[in-house]
Each structure stands twice: as C-alpha cells, then as structure tokens.
C-alpha atoms as a PDB file:
ATOM      1  CA  HIS A   1    -116.112  35.491-228.004  1.00  0.00           C
ATOM      2  CA  LEU A   2    -119.158  35.216-226.308  1.00  0.00           C
ATOM      3  CA  LEU A   3    -120.128  31.979-228.122  1.00  0.00           C
ATOM      4  CA  GLU A   4    -116.658  30.410-227.282  1.00  0.00           C
ATOM      5  CA  LEU A   5    -117.360  31.038-223.682  1.00  0.00           C
ATOM      6  CA  VAL A   6    -120.711  29.390-223.856  1.00  0.00           C
ATOM      7  CA  ALA A   7    -119.208  26.218-225.781  1.00  0.00           C
ATOM      8  CA  GLN A   8    -116.092  25.927-223.682  1.00  0.00           C
ATOM      9  CA  ASP A   9    -115.461  22.806-225.689  1.00  0.00           C
ATOM     10  CA  GLY A  10    -115.138  24.753-229.183  1.00  0.00           C
ATOM     11  CA  GLY A  11    -118.276  23.381-230.423  1.00  0.00           C
ATOM     12  CA  GLU A  12    -120.883  26.138-230.114  1.00  0.00           C
ATOM     13  CA  ARG A  13    -119.749  28.308-232.650  1.00  0.00           C
ATOM     14  CA  SER A  14    -119.701  25.569-235.574  1.00  0.00           C
ATOM     15  CA  ALA A  15    -123.251  24.437-234.859  1.00  0.00           C
ATOM     16  CA  LEU A  16    -125.363  27.412-235.428  1.00  0.00           C
ATOM     17  CA  ILE A  17    -127.558  26.359-238.264  1.00  0.00           C
ATOM     18  CA  GLY A  18    -131.165  26.091-237.024  1.00  0.00           C
ATOM     19  CA  ARG A  19    -130.297  27.317-233.421  1.00  0.00           C
ATOM     20  CA  ARG A  20    -132.460  29.757-231.743  1.00  0.00           C
ATOM     21  CA  ILE A  21    -130.515  32.465-230.401  1.00  0.00           C
ATOM     22  CA  LEU A  22    -131.892  35.619-228.416  1.00  0.00           C
ATOM     23  CA  ASP A  23    -129.860  38.666-227.727  1.00  0.00           C
ATOM     24  CA  LEU A  24    -132.027  40.110-224.816  1.00  0.00           C
ATOM     25  CA  ASN A  25    -130.459  43.498-224.604  1.00  0.00           C
ATOM     26  CA  GLY A  26    -129.896  44.469-228.453  1.00  0.00           C
ATOM     27  CA  ARG A  27    -128.439  47.829-229.312  1.00  0.00           C
ATOM     28  CA  SER A  28    -128.603  47.275-233.007  1.00  0.00           C
ATOM     29  CA  ILE A  29    -129.727  44.771-235.487  1.00  0.00           C
ATOM     30  CA  GLY A  30    -126.112  44.040-236.122  1.00  0.00           C
ATOM     31  CA  PRO A  31    -125.381  40.762-233.971  1.00  0.00           C
ATOM     32  CA  ALA A  32    -128.665  39.424-235.049  1.00  0.00           C
ATOM     33  CA  ARG A  33    -127.716  39.739-238.766  1.00  0.00           C
ATOM     34  CA  ILE A  34    -124.295  38.260-238.256  1.00  0.00           C
ATOM     35  CA  LEU A  35    -126.004  35.234-236.392  1.00  0.00           C
ATOM     36  CA  ALA A  36    -128.324  34.834-239.077  1.00  0.00           C
ATOM     37  CA  GLY A  37    -125.763  34.903-241.707  1.00  0.00           C
ATOM     38  CA  ALA A  38    -124.071  31.734-239.947  1.00  0.00           C
ATOM     39  CA  GLY A  39    -127.408  29.913-240.092  1.00  0.00           C
ATOM     40  CA  ALA A  40    -129.074  30.755-236.810  1.00  0.00           C
ATOM     41  CA  ASP A  41    -132.684  31.881-236.200  1.00  0.00           C
ATOM     42  CA  ALA A  42    -131.549  34.997-234.302  1.00  0.00           C
ATOM     43  CA  ALA A  43    -133.899  37.319-232.373  1.00  0.00           C
ATOM     44  CA  SER A  44    -133.046  40.752-230.563  1.00  0.00           C
ATOM     45  CA  LEU A  45    -135.146  42.641-228.097  1.00  0.00           C
ATOM     46  CA  LEU A  46    -134.559  46.418-228.766  1.00  0.00           C
ATOM     47  CA  SER A  47    -135.350  49.108-226.128  1.00  0.00           C
ATOM     48  CA  ASP A  48    -134.734  52.355-228.046  1.00  0.00           C
ATOM     49  CA  PRO A  49    -138.005  53.367-229.317  1.00  0.00           C
ATOM     50  CA  GLY A  50    -136.366  54.950-232.345  1.00  0.00           C
ATOM     51  CA  GLN A  51    -135.180  51.339-233.378  1.00  0.00           C
ATOM     52  CA  ARG A  52    -138.655  50.405-234.526  1.00  0.00           C
ATOM     53  CA  THR A  53    -138.528  53.144-237.166  1.00  0.00           C
ATOM     54  CA  LEU A  54    -134.908  52.767-238.191  1.00  0.00           C
ATOM     55  CA  TYR A  55    -135.361  48.876-238.639  1.00  0.00           C
ATOM     56  CA  GLY A  56    -138.867  49.240-240.017  1.00  0.00           C
ATOM     57  CA  GLN A  57    -138.080  48.178-243.654  1.00  0.00           C
ATOM     58  CA  PRO A  58    -139.460  44.832-245.037  1.00  0.00           C
ATOM     59  CA  GLY A  59    -136.003  43.513-245.579  1.00  0.00           C
ATOM     60  CA  ASP A  60    -135.047  44.163-241.867  1.00  0.00           C
ATOM     61  CA  GLN A  61    -136.589  40.948-240.714  1.00  0.00           C
ATOM     62  CA  GLY A  62    -137.077  37.636-242.026  1.00  0.00           C
ATOM     63  CA  ALA A  63    -134.963  35.065-244.018  1.00  0.00           C
ATOM     64  CA  VAL A  64    -131.198  35.700-244.573  1.00  0.00           C
ATOM     65  CA  PRO A  65    -129.719  33.412-247.324  1.00  0.00           C
ATOM     66  CA  ILE A  66    -126.317  32.151-246.815  1.00  0.00           C
ATOM     67  CA  TYR A  67    -124.211  32.120-249.765  1.00  0.00           C
ATOM     68  CA  GLY A  68    -123.235  28.804-251.381  1.00  0.00           C
ATOM     69  CA  ARG A  69    -125.626  26.814-248.795  1.00  0.00           C
ATOM     70  CA  ASP A  70    -129.038  25.502-249.147  1.00  0.00           C
ATOM     71  CA  VAL A  71    -129.940  27.060-245.664  1.00  0.00           C
ATOM     72  CA  VAL A  72    -130.945  30.378-244.695  1.00  0.00           C
ATOM     73  CA  GLY A  73    -130.764  31.949-241.173  1.00  0.00           C
ATOM     74  CA  ARG A  74    -133.394  34.263-239.803  1.00  0.00           C
ATOM     75  CA  VAL A  75    -133.796  37.578-238.103  1.00  0.00           C
ATOM     76  CA  GLN A  76    -136.515  38.584-235.863  1.00  0.00           C
ATOM     77  CA  LEU A  77    -136.791  41.819-233.779  1.00  0.00           C
ATOM     78  CA  PHE A  78    -138.820  42.710-230.785  1.00  0.00           C
ATOM     79  CA  PHE A  79    -139.228  46.074-228.982  1.00  0.00           C
ATOM     80  CA  GLY A  80    -139.664  46.478-225.181  1.00  0.00           C
ATOM     81  CA  GLY A  81    -138.084  47.156-221.955  1.00  0.00           C
ATOM     82  CA  LEU A  82    -133.990  47.275-221.455  1.00  0.00           C
ATOM     83  CA  ALA A  83    -134.086  44.548-219.030  1.00  0.00           C
ATOM     84  CA  GLY A  84    -137.465  42.894-220.345  1.00  0.00           C
ATOM     85  CA  ASP A  85    -140.853  43.388-218.835  1.00  0.00           C
ATOM     86  CA  ALA A  86    -143.929  41.110-218.703  1.00  0.00           C
ATOM     87  CA  GLN A  87    -145.122  42.170-221.859  1.00  0.00           C
ATOM     88  CA  SER A  88    -141.766  41.791-223.787  1.00  0.00           C
ATOM     89  CA  PHE A  89    -141.487  38.329-222.265  1.00  0.00           C
ATOM     90  CA  ALA A  90    -144.868  37.383-223.645  1.00  0.00           C
ATOM     91  CA  ALA A  91    -143.696  38.284-227.009  1.00  0.00           C
ATOM     92  CA  LEU A  92    -140.350  36.834-226.958  1.00  0.00           C
ATOM     93  CA  GLY A  93    -141.846  33.073-226.421  1.00  0.00           C
ATOM     94  CA  GLY A  94    -139.672  30.347-225.318  1.00  0.00           C
ATOM     95  CA  GLY A  95    -137.648  27.502-226.751  1.00  0.00           C
ATOM     96  CA  TYR A  96    -134.462  29.364-227.345  1.00  0.00           C
ATOM     97  CA  ASP A  97    -131.150  27.479-227.230  1.00  0.00           C
ATOM     98  CA  LEU A  98    -129.048  30.348-226.239  1.00  0.00           C
ATOM     99  CA  VAL A  99    -129.892  33.693-224.625  1.00  0.00           C
ATOM    100  CA  PHE A 100    -127.352  36.502-224.337  1.00  0.00           C
ATOM    101  CA  SER A 101    -127.858  39.682-221.866  1.00  0.00           C
ATOM    102  CA  ARG A 102    -124.998  41.927-222.077  1.00  0.00           C
ATOM    103  CA  GLY A 103    -124.408  45.105-220.082  1.00  0.00           C
ATOM    104  CA  VAL A 104    -127.645  45.402-218.330  1.00  0.00           C
ATOM    105  CA  LEU A 105    -128.011  42.492-215.727  1.00  0.00           C
ATOM    106  CA  LEU A 106    -125.146  43.717-213.505  1.00  0.00           C
ATOM    107  CA  ARG A 107    -125.505  44.363-209.701  1.00  0.00           C
ATOM    108  CA  GLY A 108    -124.526  47.969-209.815  1.00  0.00           C
ATOM    109  CA  LEU A 109    -127.575  48.608-212.138  1.00  0.00           C
ATOM    110  CA  ILE A 110    -130.015  46.376-210.600  1.00  0.00           C
ATOM    111  CA  HIS A 111    -129.038  46.224-206.910  1.00  0.00           C
ATOM    112  CA  PRO A 112    -126.439  48.767-206.098  1.00  0.00           C
ATOM    113  CA  THR A 113    -124.694  48.372-202.824  1.00  0.00           C
ATOM    114  CA  GLU A 114    -123.095  51.230-200.831  1.00  0.00           C
ATOM    115  CA  GLY A 115    -125.783  53.728-201.097  1.00  0.00           C
ATOM    116  CA  GLY A 116    -125.976  53.798-205.097  1.00  0.00           C
ATOM    117  CA  ASP A 117    -127.969  56.371-206.784  1.00  0.00           C
ATOM    118  CA  ALA A 118    -131.651  55.380-206.775  1.00  0.00           C
ATOM    119  CA  LYS A 119    -132.113  57.530-209.796  1.00  0.00           C
ATOM    120  CA  ALA A 120    -129.516  55.415-211.688  1.00  0.00           C
ATOM    121  CA  GLN A 121    -130.899  52.031-210.676  1.00  0.00           C
ATOM    122  CA  LEU A 122    -132.927  50.011-213.084  1.00  0.00           C
ATOM    123  CA  SER A 123    -136.227  48.353-212.142  1.00  0.00           C
ATOM    124  CA  LEU A 124    -136.903  45.007-213.234  1.00  0.00           C
ATOM    125  CA  GLY A 125    -140.705  45.538-212.883  1.00  0.00           C
ATOM    126  CA  MET A 126    -141.105  42.345-210.929  1.00  0.00           C
ATOM    127  CA  SER A 127    -139.577  40.573-207.931  1.00  0.00           C
ATOM    128  CA  ASP A 128    -135.924  38.882-208.579  1.00  0.00           C
ATOM    129  CA  ASP A 129    -137.605  35.465-208.290  1.00  0.00           C
ATOM    130  CA  ASP A 130    -140.429  36.210-210.976  1.00  0.00           C
ATOM    131  CA  TYR A 131    -137.808  37.532-213.185  1.00  0.00           C
ATOM    132  CA  LEU A 132    -135.530  34.683-213.044  1.00  0.00           C
ATOM    133  CA  ARG A 133    -138.615  32.429-213.522  1.00  0.00           C
ATOM    134  CA  ARG A 134    -139.218  34.314-216.952  1.00  0.00           C
ATOM    135  CA  LEU A 135    -135.542  33.920-218.105  1.00  0.00           C
ATOM    136  CA  LEU A 136    -135.860  30.165-217.395  1.00  0.00           C
ATOM    137  CA  GLY A 137    -138.974  30.042-219.525  1.00  0.00           C
ATOM    138  CA  LEU A 138    -137.079  31.519-222.504  1.00  0.00           C
ATOM    139  CA  LEU A 139    -134.805  28.451-222.614  1.00  0.00           C
ATOM    140  CA  LYS A 140    -135.589  24.996-224.100  1.00  0.00           C
ATOM    141  CA  PRO A 141    -134.138  22.174-221.836  1.00  0.00           C
ATOM    142  CA  GLY A 142    -130.756  22.289-222.201  1.00  0.00           C
ATOM    143  CA  GLY A 143    -130.640  25.829-223.402  1.00  0.00           C
ATOM    144  CA  LYS A 144    -128.044  28.197-221.874  1.00  0.00           C
ATOM    145  CA  LEU A 145    -128.254  31.911-220.800  1.00  0.00           C
ATOM    146  CA  LEU A 146    -124.890  34.030-220.536  1.00  0.00           C
ATOM    147  CA  VAL A 147    -124.908  37.157-218.575  1.00  0.00           C
ATOM    148  CA  TYR A 148    -122.028  39.282-219.599  1.00  0.00           C
ATOM    149  CA  ASN A 149    -120.839  42.562-218.316  1.00  0.00           C
ATOM    150  CA  LEU A 150    -118.068  45.002-219.303  1.00  0.00           C
ATOM    151  CA  CYS A 151    -117.046  47.456-216.403  1.00  0.00           C
ATOM    152  CA  PRO A 152    -114.393  50.191-215.521  1.00  0.00           C
ATOM    153  CA  ALA A 153    -112.163  50.068-212.730  1.00  0.00           C
ATOM    154  CA  PRO A 154    -113.657  50.595-209.172  1.00  0.00           C
ATOM    155  CA  ALA A 155    -113.718  53.699-207.697  1.00  0.00           C
ATOM    156  CA  PRO A 156    -110.373  54.095-205.480  1.00  0.00           C
ATOM    157  CA  ILE A 157    -111.024  53.896-201.762  1.00  0.00           C
ATOM    158  CA  GLY A 158    -112.173  56.973-200.170  1.00  0.00           C
ATOM    159  CA  GLN A 159    -114.432  57.914-203.304  1.00  0.00           C
ATOM    160  CA  ALA A 160    -118.050  57.612-204.034  1.00  0.00           C
ATOM    161  CA  TYR A 161    -119.245  54.085-205.155  1.00  0.00           C
ATOM    162  CA  ASN A 162    -119.405  53.825-208.966  1.00  0.00           C
ATOM    163  CA  PRO A 163    -122.499  51.315-209.793  1.00  0.00           C
ATOM    164  CA  ALA A 164    -121.118  50.768-213.181  1.00  0.00           C
ATOM    165  CA  ALA A 165    -118.154  49.226-212.106  1.00  0.00           C
ATOM    166  CA  ASP A 166    -119.923  46.594-210.169  1.00  0.00           C
ATOM    167  CA  CYS A 167    -120.518  43.956-212.860  1.00  0.00           C
ATOM    168  CA  ARG A 168    -121.316  41.032-210.487  1.00  0.00           C
ATOM    169  CA  SER A 169    -124.591  39.192-211.014  1.00  0.00           C
ATOM    170  CA  PRO A 170    -127.522  40.906-209.603  1.00  0.00           C
ATOM    171  CA  PHE A 171    -128.664  37.632-208.442  1.00  0.00           C
ATOM    172  CA  THR A 172    -127.076  35.044-206.102  1.00  0.00           C
ATOM    173  CA  GLN A 173    -126.014  31.722-206.953  1.00  0.00           C
ATOM    174  CA  ALA A 174    -128.811  30.241-204.708  1.00  0.00           C
ATOM    175  CA  GLN A 175    -131.328  32.575-206.587  1.00  0.00           C
ATOM    176  CA  TRP A 176    -130.467  31.231-209.810  1.00  0.00           C
ATOM    177  CA  GLN A 177    -130.619  27.475-208.493  1.00  0.00           C
ATOM    178  CA  ALA A 178    -133.963  28.237-206.804  1.00  0.00           C
ATOM    179  CA  ALA A 179    -135.516  29.323-209.931  1.00  0.00           C
ATOM    180  CA  GLY A 180    -134.617  26.093-211.630  1.00  0.00           C
ATOM    181  CA  PHE A 181    -131.231  26.713-213.462  1.00  0.00           C
ATOM    182  CA  ARG A 182    -128.024  24.814-213.322  1.00  0.00           C
ATOM    183  CA  VAL A 183    -125.193  27.286-212.708  1.00  0.00           C
ATOM    184  CA  ARG A 184    -122.081  26.322-214.712  1.00  0.00           C
ATOM    185  CA  ASP A 185    -120.220  29.554-214.141  1.00  0.00           C
ATOM    186  CA  PHE A 186    -120.951  32.328-211.416  1.00  0.00           C
ATOM    187  CA  ASP A 187    -119.300  35.632-211.610  1.00  0.00           C
ATOM    188  CA  ARG A 188    -116.222  34.365-213.425  1.00  0.00           C
ATOM    189  CA  SER A 189    -113.658  36.812-214.677  1.00  0.00           C
ATOM    190  CA  ASP A 190    -113.132  37.090-218.365  1.00  0.00           C
ATOM    191  CA  THR A 191    -110.922  40.161-218.036  1.00  0.00           C
ATOM    192  CA  PRO A 192    -107.907  38.671-219.658  1.00  0.00           C
ATOM    193  CA  GLY A 193    -109.791  37.555-222.643  1.00  0.00           C
ATOM    194  CA  VAL A 194    -111.639  40.816-223.304  1.00  0.00           C
ATOM    195  CA  ARG A 195    -108.468  42.888-222.726  1.00  0.00           C
ATOM    196  CA  SER A 196    -106.866  40.837-225.524  1.00  0.00           C
ATOM    197  CA  LEU A 197    -109.893  41.392-227.678  1.00  0.00           C
ATOM    198  CA  ALA A 198    -110.157  45.106-226.794  1.00  0.00           C
ATOM    199  CA  LYS A 199    -106.271  45.522-228.153  1.00  0.00           C
ATOM    200  CA  ALA A 200    -107.036  43.526-231.390  1.00  0.00           C
ATOM    201  CA  LEU A 201    -109.757  45.923-231.897  1.00  0.00           C
ATOM    202  CA  GLY A 202    -107.989  48.973-231.206  1.00  0.00           C
ATOM    203  CA  TRP A 203    -110.128  50.211-228.288  1.00  0.00           C
ATOM    204  CA  ASP A 204    -106.835  51.660-226.825  1.00  0.00           C
ATOM    205  CA  ARG A 205    -105.638  53.424-229.970  1.00  0.00           C
ATOM    206  CA  PRO A 206    -104.930  57.198-229.533  1.00  0.00           C
ATOM    207  CA  GLU A 207    -106.761  58.274-232.583  1.00  0.00           C
ATOM    208  CA  ARG A 208    -110.035  57.019-230.769  1.00  0.00           C
ATOM    209  CA  GLY A 209    -109.717  60.380-228.838  1.00  0.00           C
ATOM    210  CA  ALA A 210    -111.954  60.646-225.642  1.00  0.00           C
ATOM    211  CA  GLN A 211    -113.283  57.163-226.519  1.00  0.00           C
ATOM    212  CA  ALA A 212    -109.771  55.463-226.069  1.00  0.00           C
ATOM    213  CA  ILE A 213    -109.814  53.040-223.050  1.00  0.00           C
ATOM    214  CA  ASP A 214    -106.743  52.308-220.943  1.00  0.00           C
ATOM    215  CA  VAL A 215    -107.381  48.609-221.646  1.00  0.00           C
ATOM    216  CA  ASP A 216    -104.914  47.252-218.975  1.00  0.00           C
ATOM    217  CA  ALA A 217    -106.203  49.481-216.033  1.00  0.00           C
ATOM    218  CA  ASN A 218    -109.810  50.454-216.771  1.00  0.00           C
ATOM    219  CA  LEU A 219    -111.335  47.331-218.562  1.00  0.00           C
ATOM    220  CA  PHE A 220    -112.774  44.393-216.881  1.00  0.00           C
ATOM    221  CA  ALA A 221    -115.239  41.613-217.657  1.00  0.00           C
ATOM    222  CA  GLN A 222    -117.223  39.394-215.486  1.00  0.00           C
ATOM    223  CA  TYR A 223    -119.982  36.717-216.556  1.00  0.00           C
ATOM    224  CA  THR A 224    -122.275  34.133-215.230  1.00  0.00           C
ATOM    225  CA  LEU A 225    -123.340  31.001-217.363  1.00  0.00           C
ATOM    226  CA  VAL A 226    -126.553  28.942-216.470  1.00  0.00           C
ATOM    227  CA  GLU A 227    -128.586  26.547-218.226  1.00  0.00           C
ATOM    228  CA  ARG A 228    -132.047  24.939-218.216  1.00  0.00           C
ATOM    229  CA  PRO A 229    -131.789  21.140-217.161  1.00  0.00           C
END
C-alpha cells in the first residue's frame, strides 16, 4: 500500500529489483525480507536492543534468492535510535531510492501542542533543520521519503489533548523545502485507503478481542511525501 502511495502512477511496485529501500523505523525484519524477496536491496533501522540478538543469525542478513529469477535481493539491518540519531545516520549512509518512516515522525510525538506530556515526547537529538538535512542525505537525487502515520481519533472537546492522535508532519512544508526537499504531498489524508486495508486484514474482527479497532471511528492516516531533486 505504501509503495502505491509513493508511485501514484502504479509503476513503483513493479520496479523493485536493485532499488535501495530503507525502513527508517523498523519493527521487525519482516518488511525488509518481503522487499528483498521482490529484488530490492532492503535495509531497516531497528531500535529495540533485543532485536540485535533476535536477528543475529548469519542467514538473517545478506542475499535473498528469488525463486525462478537470476537475481537476488538483499537484507541489511542497522541498530540505533528510534527516530535516528547522528551515529545511526552515519551508519546508514546514503544513496537510497526510497525511505519509509512509519508511526514515529508525527507532530504529537515530536512537537506536541496544547501542553502535551513532555515525558511522552520523542527527542530528535538535534535541531529540526539538522535532522531534515540528514534525512535529505539518505536519498539519492530523485529519491523519495514517505512519512506515514496511523492515529486514533482525537480526544473529544473538553478532554485532554492526545499526542498519539496528532499524526501531522512534525515539520512545516516550509521547513521541508528549506532543507532542500521537493514536497509532493503534505499532510495528505489516507484514511479511506487505510480503513479499506484494515477491514480486509480483519483489524475490526471481534475475535481480536481488546486489539480490535473500530475502523470507521477510530482509525485515521496521514502522510507527507517528499523527494530529493
């Protein structure tokens, strides 16, 4: 689904062989393995310290043969800060065709408004401008960055501000542009798309118990898509 948002012309998903793709906020090895299985050179930045042990086997990284094709994909794992820090950025290098950031770079977590809880705030470890310049440095010319966030419904009027429900970009459009990005979509809603996907995946099924989501009332999505000229 995210590849389709990036492509917008339907061509991105069919041209993954040899493409360098980075999951900036990886939660598991799964997405990188799937992309590598389609021929991509897929990397993931994992922030959970336990993942270094979990994915420490020799076969977890490296070449991923594609059945019936004379090509291979690749998996490379990095371990570092949740949003990325100076050391992580240095290890990641650059030259990526596509970078995903999912569920971390949202305003409620980075720059909460209305007196959000400081303890829940995620520090970038550097100024916004420095961080954006480092993001730009990950991409090759023409490379794209997709910031994609899922959020619950905002708190009702009169109740406390919920930072997790503020899934707007933590950076303004002017900041993205000043850092050198070309902005293709800014704070664009993907709520209809993600609700259809959630229903197809059964996120609202009663058998999920406490994990079931009221998809039509409590699931929203917003994204920003930028590229390096």
